[in-house]
Amino acid sequence: MALELGVQDIELDVRLSRDGVPVVFHDEALDRTTNGTGPLHHHSLTQLDRLDAGAWFGPKYAGERIPTLDQVLERYRDKAFLHIELKVAGSDMASRLASLLQKHNAYDATMVVSFHEEALLQVKGAAPEERLGWLVTRWDEGVITQAKDMGVQYLCPLASAVTPALVDSAHAKGLAVRTWAVKSDQEILRMFQCGVDGMTLDAPDRALSISRITVGPES
């Protein structure tokens, strides 16, 4: 649906199954969005593949399975730029991710983001070609300097913490700014006015509409 709307970038979350397979799943536990229970990492891929991960969202999605990252990279090759959020750190996650990026030749079509500094540094070591983005809830000049020192290309602050001055400061240090938790039309407009390079939100159609009005039809 996002691709049909004209969205080019998709954000997704990745965790490891008990047997070390990267799967696309947001929550730590299965209970809210599947008919399974308990932490996802306590289940093997075979067990996860038996679960219904769509019925909670609506009847038309019943029977939807938890996808592996491998499947997503294969399905959306040359169709979308994927922002892969690592929900956990660990050398096993970094090495398995690096193998998948190499398998699908996905370095030009992906970016890895995380709240965990350790996870980003591990990916940098395992896949030095990959773009990296650091997710933060609060930021200031010190955080901008730290992001630059970490070697990430994107700083990803909470929308409510974004100001034009901090965006300008990040840009001056060569960092792009991609914000998240943009909840309303007013917040979308404010992000454009602050000069961010992108935003993660649940209503991309609204962002596209506001972008065409405020920036122009080719934005």
Protein backbone atom coordinates (compact mmCIF):
# COMPACT_ATOMS: atom_id res chain seq x y z
CA MET A 1 0.00 0.00 0.00
CA ALA A 2 2.84 2.38 0.83
CA LEU A 3 4.45 1.76 -2.53
CA GLU A 4 1.11 2.38 -4.25
CA LEU A 5 0.92 5.75 -2.47
CA GLY A 6 4.29 6.70 -3.93
CA VAL A 7 6.37 6.09 -0.81
CA GLN A 8 9.93 5.06 -1.60
CA ASP A 9 11.24 4.30 1.91
CA ILE A 10 9.94 1.67 4.33
CA GLU A 11 10.95 1.27 7.99
CA LEU A 12 10.90 -2.12 9.66
CA ASP A 13 12.12 -3.72 12.89
CA VAL A 14 14.33 -6.79 13.22
CA ARG A 15 14.88 -9.30 16.01
CA LEU A 16 16.51 -12.73 16.15
CA SER A 17 14.62 -15.99 16.54
CA ARG A 18 15.89 -18.53 19.06
CA ASP A 19 17.89 -20.19 16.28
CA GLY A 20 19.43 -16.90 15.19
CA VAL A 21 17.34 -15.99 12.13
CA PRO A 22 16.64 -12.25 11.63
CA VAL A 23 12.86 -11.78 11.50
CA VAL A 24 10.79 -8.65 10.95
CA PHE A 25 8.91 -7.97 14.18
CA HIS A 26 8.47 -4.91 16.41
CA ASP A 27 7.56 -6.06 19.91
CA GLU A 28 9.76 -8.04 22.25
CA ALA A 29 6.82 -10.36 23.00
CA LEU A 30 4.48 -12.13 20.60
CA ASP A 31 1.26 -11.57 22.53
CA ARG A 32 0.02 -8.24 21.13
CA THR A 33 0.20 -8.97 17.41
CA THR A 34 0.13 -12.76 17.05
CA ASN A 35 -1.66 -15.77 18.48
CA GLY A 36 1.59 -16.77 20.19
CA THR A 37 2.82 -15.90 23.66
CA GLY A 38 6.09 -14.97 25.30
CA PRO A 39 9.32 -13.39 24.04
CA LEU A 40 9.97 -13.84 20.33
CA HIS A 41 13.58 -14.91 20.95
CA HIS A 42 12.35 -17.94 22.91
CA HIS A 43 10.87 -19.38 19.69
CA SER A 44 12.55 -21.04 16.73
CA LEU A 45 11.82 -19.90 13.19
CA THR A 46 9.74 -23.04 12.65
CA GLN A 47 7.58 -22.16 15.66
CA LEU A 48 7.27 -18.53 14.59
CA ASP A 49 6.24 -19.53 11.10
CA ARG A 50 3.15 -21.29 12.47
CA LEU A 51 1.77 -18.12 14.06
CA ASP A 52 -0.92 -15.81 12.69
CA ALA A 53 0.52 -12.29 12.68
CA GLY A 54 -2.28 -10.55 10.77
CA ALA A 55 -5.67 -11.25 12.35
CA TRP A 56 -5.09 -8.72 15.15
CA PHE A 57 -5.00 -5.96 12.55
CA GLY A 58 -8.14 -7.01 10.68
CA PRO A 59 -9.91 -10.04 9.18
CA LYS A 60 -8.49 -9.45 5.69
CA TYR A 61 -4.97 -9.91 7.09
CA ALA A 62 -5.66 -13.20 8.89
CA GLY A 63 -3.05 -15.82 8.11
CA GLU A 64 -0.23 -13.33 7.55
CA ARG A 65 3.06 -14.77 8.81
CA ILE A 66 6.07 -13.20 10.48
CA PRO A 67 8.50 -12.60 7.60
CA THR A 68 12.22 -13.16 7.75
CA LEU A 69 14.46 -10.28 6.78
CA ASP A 70 15.77 -12.48 3.99
CA GLN A 71 12.26 -12.72 2.52
CA VAL A 72 11.69 -8.97 2.78
CA LEU A 73 14.99 -8.12 1.12
CA GLU A 74 14.15 -10.52 -1.70
CA ARG A 75 10.57 -9.31 -2.15
CA TYR A 76 11.34 -5.59 -2.22
CA ARG A 77 14.58 -5.70 -4.17
CA ASP A 78 14.63 -2.66 -6.49
CA LYS A 79 11.19 -1.59 -5.17
CA ALA A 80 11.90 0.28 -1.93
CA PHE A 81 14.68 1.68 0.23
CA LEU A 82 14.53 -0.17 3.57
CA HIS A 83 15.34 1.37 6.95
CA ILE A 84 16.19 -1.62 9.12
CA GLU A 85 15.89 -0.95 12.84
CA LEU A 86 17.80 -3.39 15.01
CA LYS A 87 15.86 -3.91 18.23
CA VAL A 88 18.73 -5.81 19.84
CA ALA A 89 22.51 -5.60 19.78
CA GLY A 90 24.95 -8.47 19.50
CA SER A 91 27.72 -9.74 17.25
CA ASP A 92 25.43 -12.55 16.03
CA MET A 93 22.86 -10.03 14.81
CA ALA A 94 25.53 -7.93 13.10
CA SER A 95 27.15 -10.88 11.33
CA ARG A 96 23.86 -12.36 10.16
CA LEU A 97 22.66 -8.97 8.94
CA ALA A 98 25.92 -8.39 7.08
CA SER A 99 25.54 -11.78 5.36
CA LEU A 100 22.03 -10.92 4.18
CA LEU A 101 23.06 -7.48 2.91
CA GLN A 102 25.86 -9.09 0.93
CA LYS A 103 23.62 -11.91 -0.34
CA HIS A 104 21.08 -9.44 -1.73
CA ASN A 105 23.65 -6.79 -2.73
CA ALA A 106 21.48 -4.46 -0.65
CA TYR A 107 23.96 -1.81 0.50
CA ASP A 108 22.56 0.79 -1.91
CA ALA A 109 18.97 0.05 -0.91
CA THR A 110 19.16 -0.12 2.89
CA MET A 111 20.12 1.76 6.01
CA VAL A 112 20.52 0.26 9.50
CA VAL A 113 19.25 2.27 12.45
CA SER A 114 19.14 1.56 16.17
CA PHE A 115 18.88 3.13 19.59
CA HIS A 116 21.77 0.88 20.62
CA GLU A 117 25.17 2.45 19.97
CA GLU A 118 26.75 -0.97 20.38
CA ALA A 119 24.56 -2.43 17.62
CA LEU A 120 25.57 0.31 15.19
CA LEU A 121 29.27 -0.10 15.93
CA GLN A 122 28.95 -3.87 15.47
CA VAL A 123 27.27 -3.40 12.08
CA LYS A 124 29.94 -0.87 11.12
CA GLY A 125 32.56 -3.52 11.82
CA ALA A 126 30.72 -6.32 10.02
CA ALA A 127 29.42 -4.27 7.06
CA PRO A 128 31.49 -1.08 6.74
CA GLU A 129 29.73 -0.16 3.47
CA GLU A 130 26.32 0.11 5.14
CA ARG A 131 24.65 3.42 5.98
CA LEU A 132 23.94 3.88 9.68
CA GLY A 133 21.45 6.00 11.62
CA TRP A 134 21.40 6.61 15.37
CA LEU A 135 17.94 6.87 16.95
CA VAL A 136 17.79 9.29 19.89
CA THR A 137 15.03 10.68 22.10
CA ARG A 138 16.93 13.79 23.21
CA TRP A 139 19.70 15.61 21.41
CA ASP A 140 21.97 18.60 21.70
CA GLU A 141 25.36 19.69 20.38
CA GLY A 142 27.03 16.93 22.40
CA VAL A 143 24.86 14.24 20.80
CA ILE A 144 25.59 15.64 17.35
CA THR A 145 29.33 15.48 18.04
CA GLN A 146 29.00 11.94 19.39
CA ALA A 147 27.07 10.82 16.30
CA LYS A 148 29.80 12.21 14.07
CA ASP A 149 32.46 10.43 16.13
CA MET A 150 30.52 7.14 15.87
CA GLY A 151 30.74 7.34 12.10
CA VAL A 152 26.99 7.28 11.41
CA GLN A 153 25.56 9.16 8.45
CA TYR A 154 22.11 9.90 9.90
CA LEU A 155 20.96 11.29 13.22
CA CYS A 156 17.37 10.24 13.94
CA PRO A 157 15.82 12.34 16.74
CA LEU A 158 12.36 12.23 18.24
CA ALA A 159 10.19 14.76 16.39
CA SER A 160 9.32 16.76 19.50
CA ALA A 161 13.04 17.42 20.08
CA VAL A 162 13.69 18.82 16.60
CA THR A 163 14.57 22.49 16.16
CA PRO A 164 15.85 24.37 13.11
CA ALA A 165 19.07 25.24 14.95
CA LEU A 166 19.88 21.63 15.78
CA VAL A 167 19.08 20.50 12.23
CA ASP A 168 21.43 23.18 10.90
CA SER A 169 24.14 22.09 13.35
CA ALA A 170 23.82 18.45 12.32
CA HIS A 171 23.98 19.41 8.64
CA ALA A 172 27.08 21.50 9.31
CA LYS A 173 28.79 18.36 10.63
CA GLY A 174 27.77 16.35 7.57
CA LEU A 175 24.91 14.46 9.23
CA ALA A 176 21.51 14.01 7.64
CA VAL A 177 18.50 14.26 9.97
CA ARG A 178 15.64 11.79 9.76
CA THR A 179 13.10 12.23 12.53
CA TRP A 180 10.52 9.81 13.94
CA ALA A 181 7.21 9.77 15.87
CA VAL A 182 5.65 12.44 13.66
CA LYS A 183 2.02 12.28 14.76
CA SER A 184 0.00 15.09 13.16
CA ASP A 185 -0.29 17.33 10.12
CA GLN A 186 1.03 20.20 12.21
CA GLU A 187 4.08 18.15 13.19
CA ILE A 188 4.68 17.12 9.57
CA LEU A 189 4.62 20.77 8.52
CA ARG A 190 6.96 21.74 11.36
CA MET A 191 9.45 19.06 10.29
CA PHE A 192 9.52 20.47 6.76
CA GLN A 193 10.01 23.96 8.20
CA CYS A 194 12.89 22.71 10.37
CA GLY A 195 14.63 21.35 7.27
CA VAL A 196 14.80 17.65 8.12
CA ASP A 197 15.90 15.22 5.42
CA GLY A 198 13.17 12.70 6.12
CA MET A 199 10.67 11.44 8.65
CA THR A 200 9.22 8.14 9.81
CA LEU A 201 5.48 8.21 10.32
CA ASP A 202 2.31 6.13 10.05
CA ALA A 203 0.52 8.44 7.57
CA PRO A 204 2.84 8.85 4.57
CA ASP A 205 -0.06 9.99 2.39
CA ARG A 206 -0.45 13.06 4.63
CA ALA A 207 3.27 13.83 4.43
CA LEU A 208 3.22 13.52 0.65
CA SER A 209 0.21 15.82 0.41
CA ILE A 210 1.73 18.46 2.70
CA SER A 211 5.06 18.17 0.91
CA ARG A 212 3.46 18.94 -2.45
CA ILE A 213 1.78 22.02 -0.99
CA THR A 214 4.74 23.41 0.96
CA VAL A 215 7.74 22.26 -1.07
CA GLY A 216 6.46 21.51 -4.53
CA PRO A 217 5.16 18.64 -6.68
CA GLU A 218 8.62 17.22 -7.37
CA SER A 219 9.62 16.86 -3.68
